[in-house]
Amino acid sequence: MRWTPRTYLRLFLLGGGLLLLGSGLLGGELFEILIGSAGAVLGGIGLVAEWRDVSD
């Protein structure tokens, strides 16, 4: 996998999304859960797509 600025953005989305999701789950904040889930899903999908693109 090539490490580009887009890769770092996807890692940031995944990591930050998981942290926000965890914070929302612990605090019971629905908005944090939704935003964290969206960030984690987008980051994860982006990383998987990038990984699959390079492996082909």
Protein backbone atom coordinates (compact mmCIF):
# COMPACT_ATOMS: atom_id res chain seq x y z
CA MET A 1 0.00 0.00 0.00
CA ARG A 2 1.27 3.44 -0.91
CA TRP A 3 1.18 5.93 1.96
CA THR A 4 -0.41 9.07 0.56
CA PRO A 5 -2.15 11.98 2.31
CA ARG A 6 -5.44 10.26 1.47
CA THR A 7 -4.31 7.17 3.40
CA TYR A 8 -3.55 9.27 6.47
CA LEU A 9 -6.96 10.95 6.20
CA ARG A 10 -8.64 7.54 6.10
CA LEU A 11 -6.65 6.38 9.13
CA PHE A 12 -7.66 9.57 10.94
CA LEU A 13 -11.32 8.97 10.09
CA LEU A 14 -11.14 5.38 11.28
CA GLY A 15 -9.28 6.12 14.51
CA GLY A 16 -11.17 9.28 15.36
CA GLY A 17 -14.47 7.68 14.50
CA LEU A 18 -13.78 4.75 16.80
CA LEU A 19 -12.76 7.07 19.63
CA LEU A 20 -15.85 9.22 19.17
CA LEU A 21 -18.03 6.12 18.96
CA GLY A 22 -16.58 4.79 22.21
CA SER A 23 -17.03 8.14 23.91
CA GLY A 24 -20.62 8.30 22.74
CA LEU A 25 -21.36 4.80 23.92
CA LEU A 26 -19.89 5.47 27.35
CA GLY A 27 -21.65 8.82 27.72
CA GLY A 28 -24.91 7.83 26.09
CA GLU A 29 -24.71 10.61 23.49
CA LEU A 30 -26.59 9.64 20.34
CA PHE A 31 -25.00 12.38 18.19
CA GLU A 32 -21.46 11.22 19.05
CA ILE A 33 -22.43 7.62 18.32
CA LEU A 34 -23.80 8.55 14.89
CA ILE A 35 -20.87 10.78 13.90
CA GLY A 36 -18.32 8.28 15.23
CA SER A 37 -19.97 5.42 13.39
CA ALA A 38 -20.06 7.38 10.14
CA GLY A 39 -16.38 8.34 10.42
CA ALA A 40 -15.28 4.82 11.29
CA VAL A 41 -17.29 3.29 8.44
CA LEU A 42 -16.02 5.80 5.87
CA GLY A 43 -12.41 5.40 7.00
CA GLY A 44 -12.63 1.62 7.07
CA ILE A 45 -14.26 1.36 3.67
CA GLY A 46 -11.66 3.73 2.20
CA LEU A 47 -8.75 1.75 3.63
CA VAL A 48 -10.16 -1.56 2.44
CA ALA A 49 -10.77 -0.15 -1.04
CA GLU A 50 -7.24 1.25 -1.18
CA TRP A 51 -5.76 -2.03 0.04
CA ARG A 52 -7.74 -4.02 -2.53
CA ASP A 53 -6.77 -1.61 -5.32
CA VAL A 54 -3.07 -2.06 -4.59
CA SER A 55 -3.29 -5.86 -4.28
CA ASP A 56 -4.85 -6.26 -7.76
